[in-house]
Amino acid sequence: MRFLPELFAHNRAWAAEQIHRDPQFFERLCAIQRPDYLWIGCSDSRVPANTIIGLEPGKVFVHRNVANIVQPDDPNGLSVLQYAVDVLGVSQLIVCGHYRCGGVQAAFGPVAPEPLEGWLAPLRSLHGAHADELAALPNGTARWNRLCELNVISQVGILARLPIVLAAWQRSQRLAIHGWIYDLHDGLLRDLEVSTDRPLPE
């Protein structure tokens, strides 16, 4: 523990606290995981999935990336989705963005170095597609917040059209997709009311 000893100390204190509260905690975690939820969220350190929905380890399968983007050609994200749906049998897919997302903010700014610029390309396209709506908002913060919401809505639509999800619905697997946004100012989640449990119209 020559490096980052404080993190090892925190780990030992956390493990001891779990055992103190529940002596069987780690024994249960060693059992096969059966989460009901796949959380697709932003990598932002201020948005820890399990913590903000109050669920213990083992309850949520988590995939995080910059700006909670679902790329149809991203093997990492697709592998997580496939494992969650086909192997774990999750029934709820949650795309959760957050206000004041730096990745979303970058879509308003200059071109970033690769590979980040390539990753953010869908956000720039989304910004362009909603340019009139965004321009009508009163200030930069309102435009930023709205693009955060539009990004989540877009990712729900992309998820609902992916072959992995369509195949699950075709075999009558119980599976719903939800779009949420988290507000750093009050710690509350907001439902963007775009949930679906069936294919979307083209």
Protein backbone atom coordinates (compact mmCIF):
# COMPACT_ATOMS: atom_id res chain seq x y z
CA MET A 1 0.00 0.00 0.00
CA ARG A 2 2.73 2.44 -0.98
CA PHE A 3 0.29 4.33 -3.15
CA LEU A 4 -2.98 5.92 -2.07
CA PRO A 5 -2.91 4.46 1.46
CA GLU A 6 -5.86 6.65 2.47
CA LEU A 7 -8.10 4.79 0.02
CA PHE A 8 -7.10 1.43 1.48
CA ALA A 9 -7.83 2.81 4.94
CA HIS A 10 -11.27 3.97 3.80
CA ASN A 11 -11.89 0.54 2.28
CA ARG A 12 -11.06 -1.29 5.50
CA ALA A 13 -13.23 1.05 7.53
CA TRP A 14 -16.11 0.58 5.08
CA ALA A 15 -15.78 -3.23 5.09
CA ALA A 16 -15.67 -3.30 8.88
CA GLU A 17 -18.79 -1.12 9.06
CA GLN A 18 -20.69 -3.42 6.67
CA ILE A 19 -19.83 -6.48 8.76
CA HIS A 20 -20.77 -4.64 11.96
CA ARG A 21 -24.19 -3.74 10.54
CA ASP A 22 -24.75 -7.06 8.78
CA PRO A 23 -22.41 -10.01 9.40
CA GLN A 24 -23.74 -11.79 6.27
CA PHE A 25 -23.31 -8.81 3.95
CA PHE A 26 -20.32 -10.07 1.96
CA GLU A 27 -21.51 -13.66 2.00
CA ARG A 28 -24.68 -12.54 0.22
CA LEU A 29 -22.68 -10.51 -2.30
CA CYS A 30 -20.77 -13.65 -3.29
CA ALA A 31 -24.00 -15.26 -4.45
CA ILE A 32 -24.95 -14.98 -8.12
CA GLN A 33 -26.07 -11.43 -8.84
CA ARG A 34 -29.69 -10.95 -9.84
CA PRO A 35 -30.20 -7.20 -10.23
CA ASP A 36 -33.46 -5.90 -11.64
CA TYR A 37 -31.90 -2.70 -12.97
CA LEU A 38 -29.34 -1.65 -15.55
CA TRP A 39 -28.25 1.93 -14.91
CA ILE A 40 -26.71 3.78 -17.84
CA GLY A 41 -25.33 6.97 -16.37
CA CYS A 42 -22.67 9.61 -16.65
CA SER A 43 -19.13 9.04 -15.38
CA ASP A 44 -19.40 12.25 -13.34
CA SER A 45 -18.07 11.59 -9.84
CA ARG A 46 -20.99 13.49 -8.30
CA VAL A 47 -23.59 11.02 -9.60
CA PRO A 48 -23.03 7.62 -7.90
CA ALA A 49 -25.81 5.31 -9.06
CA ASN A 50 -26.37 3.09 -6.00
CA THR A 51 -26.12 5.99 -3.58
CA ILE A 52 -28.70 8.30 -5.13
CA ILE A 53 -31.32 5.57 -5.46
CA GLY A 54 -30.55 4.11 -2.03
CA LEU A 55 -29.74 0.57 -3.13
CA GLU A 56 -26.95 -1.63 -1.81
CA PRO A 57 -24.26 -3.29 -3.95
CA GLY A 58 -25.68 -6.20 -5.93
CA LYS A 59 -28.97 -4.46 -6.72
CA VAL A 60 -27.94 -2.40 -9.77
CA PHE A 61 -25.85 -3.33 -12.80
CA VAL A 62 -24.08 -0.12 -13.81
CA HIS A 63 -22.59 1.26 -17.01
CA ARG A 64 -21.19 4.79 -16.98
CA ASN A 65 -19.57 6.92 -19.64
CA VAL A 66 -19.13 10.59 -20.51
CA ALA A 67 -22.61 12.14 -20.86
CA ASN A 68 -24.50 8.81 -20.56
CA ILE A 69 -24.45 8.20 -24.31
CA VAL A 70 -25.71 5.01 -25.96
CA GLN A 71 -23.71 4.44 -29.14
CA PRO A 72 -25.13 1.73 -31.45
CA ASP A 73 -21.57 0.82 -32.49
CA ASP A 74 -19.93 0.93 -29.03
CA PRO A 75 -18.85 -2.65 -28.19
CA ASN A 76 -18.35 -1.77 -24.53
CA GLY A 77 -21.86 -0.41 -24.00
CA LEU A 78 -23.48 -3.08 -26.15
CA SER A 79 -21.69 -5.84 -24.23
CA VAL A 80 -22.96 -4.44 -20.94
CA LEU A 81 -26.48 -4.22 -22.35
CA GLN A 82 -26.35 -7.74 -23.78
CA TYR A 83 -25.08 -9.23 -20.52
CA ALA A 84 -27.66 -7.33 -18.48
CA VAL A 85 -30.62 -8.29 -20.68
CA ASP A 86 -29.68 -11.77 -21.90
CA VAL A 87 -27.74 -13.18 -18.94
CA LEU A 88 -28.83 -11.27 -15.85
CA GLY A 89 -32.39 -10.82 -17.05
CA VAL A 90 -32.79 -7.25 -15.83
CA SER A 91 -36.28 -5.88 -16.28
CA GLN A 92 -35.59 -2.14 -16.03
CA LEU A 93 -33.16 -0.11 -18.14
CA ILE A 94 -32.57 3.36 -16.70
CA VAL A 95 -30.81 6.10 -18.63
CA CYS A 96 -29.93 8.76 -16.09
CA GLY A 97 -28.37 12.06 -17.06
CA HIS A 98 -27.77 15.04 -14.83
CA TYR A 99 -27.95 18.80 -15.03
CA ARG A 100 -24.63 20.63 -15.34
CA CYS A 101 -23.12 17.71 -17.28
CA GLY A 102 -19.69 18.68 -18.60
CA GLY A 103 -19.99 16.35 -21.57
CA VAL A 104 -23.23 18.01 -22.62
CA GLN A 105 -21.74 21.45 -22.08
CA ALA A 106 -18.92 20.54 -24.47
CA ALA A 107 -21.47 20.31 -27.29
CA PHE A 108 -21.83 24.09 -27.06
CA GLY A 109 -18.10 24.69 -27.29
CA PRO A 110 -15.14 24.25 -29.64
CA VAL A 111 -14.01 20.95 -31.11
CA ALA A 112 -12.33 18.74 -28.51
CA PRO A 113 -9.29 16.52 -29.11
CA GLU A 114 -9.93 12.93 -30.14
CA PRO A 115 -11.18 10.52 -28.98
CA LEU A 116 -13.47 12.77 -26.94
CA GLU A 117 -14.75 14.69 -29.97
CA GLY A 118 -15.83 11.50 -31.69
CA TRP A 119 -17.64 10.37 -28.57
CA LEU A 120 -19.45 13.70 -28.26
CA ALA A 121 -20.51 13.78 -31.94
CA PRO A 122 -24.09 12.61 -31.18
CA LEU A 123 -24.47 15.49 -28.72
CA ARG A 124 -23.36 18.02 -31.31
CA SER A 125 -25.89 16.54 -33.75
CA LEU A 126 -28.60 16.73 -31.09
CA HIS A 127 -27.67 20.34 -30.40
CA GLY A 128 -28.03 21.12 -34.08
CA ALA A 129 -31.34 19.30 -34.42
CA HIS A 130 -32.83 21.35 -31.56
CA ALA A 131 -31.07 24.63 -32.31
CA ASP A 132 -34.28 26.66 -32.59
CA GLU A 133 -35.75 25.30 -29.35
CA LEU A 134 -32.51 25.92 -27.48
CA ALA A 135 -32.03 29.40 -28.92
CA ALA A 136 -35.50 30.39 -27.67
CA LEU A 137 -34.54 29.72 -24.05
CA PRO A 138 -33.64 32.70 -21.88
CA ASN A 139 -30.01 31.99 -21.04
CA GLY A 140 -27.07 29.63 -21.31
CA THR A 141 -27.95 27.69 -18.17
CA ALA A 142 -31.46 26.99 -19.43
CA ARG A 143 -30.08 25.84 -22.79
CA TRP A 144 -27.52 23.62 -21.06
CA ASN A 145 -30.14 22.04 -18.81
CA ARG A 146 -32.52 21.44 -21.71
CA LEU A 147 -29.83 19.75 -23.79
CA CYS A 148 -29.11 17.49 -20.79
CA GLU A 149 -32.78 16.46 -20.88
CA LEU A 150 -32.87 16.07 -24.66
CA ASN A 151 -29.79 13.87 -24.45
CA VAL A 152 -31.50 11.46 -22.06
CA ILE A 153 -34.63 11.38 -24.21
CA SER A 154 -32.51 10.63 -27.28
CA GLN A 155 -30.67 7.78 -25.54
CA VAL A 156 -33.96 6.16 -24.52
CA GLY A 157 -34.99 6.20 -28.18
CA ILE A 158 -31.70 4.68 -29.28
CA LEU A 159 -31.94 1.93 -26.65
CA ALA A 160 -35.49 1.08 -27.69
CA ARG A 161 -34.32 0.43 -31.26
CA LEU A 162 -31.27 -1.69 -30.52
CA PRO A 163 -31.44 -5.33 -31.68
CA ILE A 164 -30.69 -6.62 -28.15
CA VAL A 165 -33.73 -4.84 -26.75
CA LEU A 166 -35.98 -5.63 -29.72
CA ALA A 167 -35.08 -9.31 -29.46
CA ALA A 168 -35.99 -9.33 -25.76
CA TRP A 169 -39.39 -7.81 -26.50
CA GLN A 170 -39.93 -10.24 -29.38
CA ARG A 171 -39.52 -13.16 -26.99
CA SER A 172 -41.89 -11.43 -24.52
CA GLN A 173 -39.19 -10.72 -21.95
CA ARG A 174 -40.32 -8.15 -19.39
CA LEU A 175 -38.21 -5.08 -20.11
CA ALA A 176 -38.88 -1.36 -19.73
CA ILE A 177 -36.71 1.66 -20.51
CA HIS A 178 -36.81 4.87 -18.47
CA GLY A 179 -35.28 8.32 -18.88
CA TRP A 180 -34.37 10.21 -15.71
CA ILE A 181 -32.34 13.26 -14.83
CA TYR A 182 -30.56 14.05 -11.59
CA ASP A 183 -30.31 17.54 -10.14
CA LEU A 184 -27.06 18.25 -8.34
CA HIS A 185 -28.67 21.20 -6.57
CA ASP A 186 -31.11 19.17 -4.49
CA GLY A 187 -30.09 15.53 -4.96
CA LEU A 188 -33.43 14.63 -6.52
CA LEU A 189 -34.21 12.53 -9.58
CA ARG A 190 -36.81 13.65 -12.09
CA ASP A 191 -38.68 11.34 -14.45
CA LEU A 192 -38.67 12.74 -17.98
CA GLU A 193 -41.83 10.73 -18.76
CA VAL A 194 -40.42 8.87 -21.75
CA SER A 195 -40.63 5.31 -20.39
CA THR A 196 -41.50 2.52 -22.80
CA ASP A 197 -41.90 -1.24 -22.56
CA ARG A 198 -42.49 -1.87 -26.27
CA PRO A 199 -40.96 -0.92 -29.63
CA LEU A 200 -41.27 2.71 -30.60
CA PRO A 201 -42.88 3.79 -33.89
CA GLU A 202 -40.38 4.54 -36.63
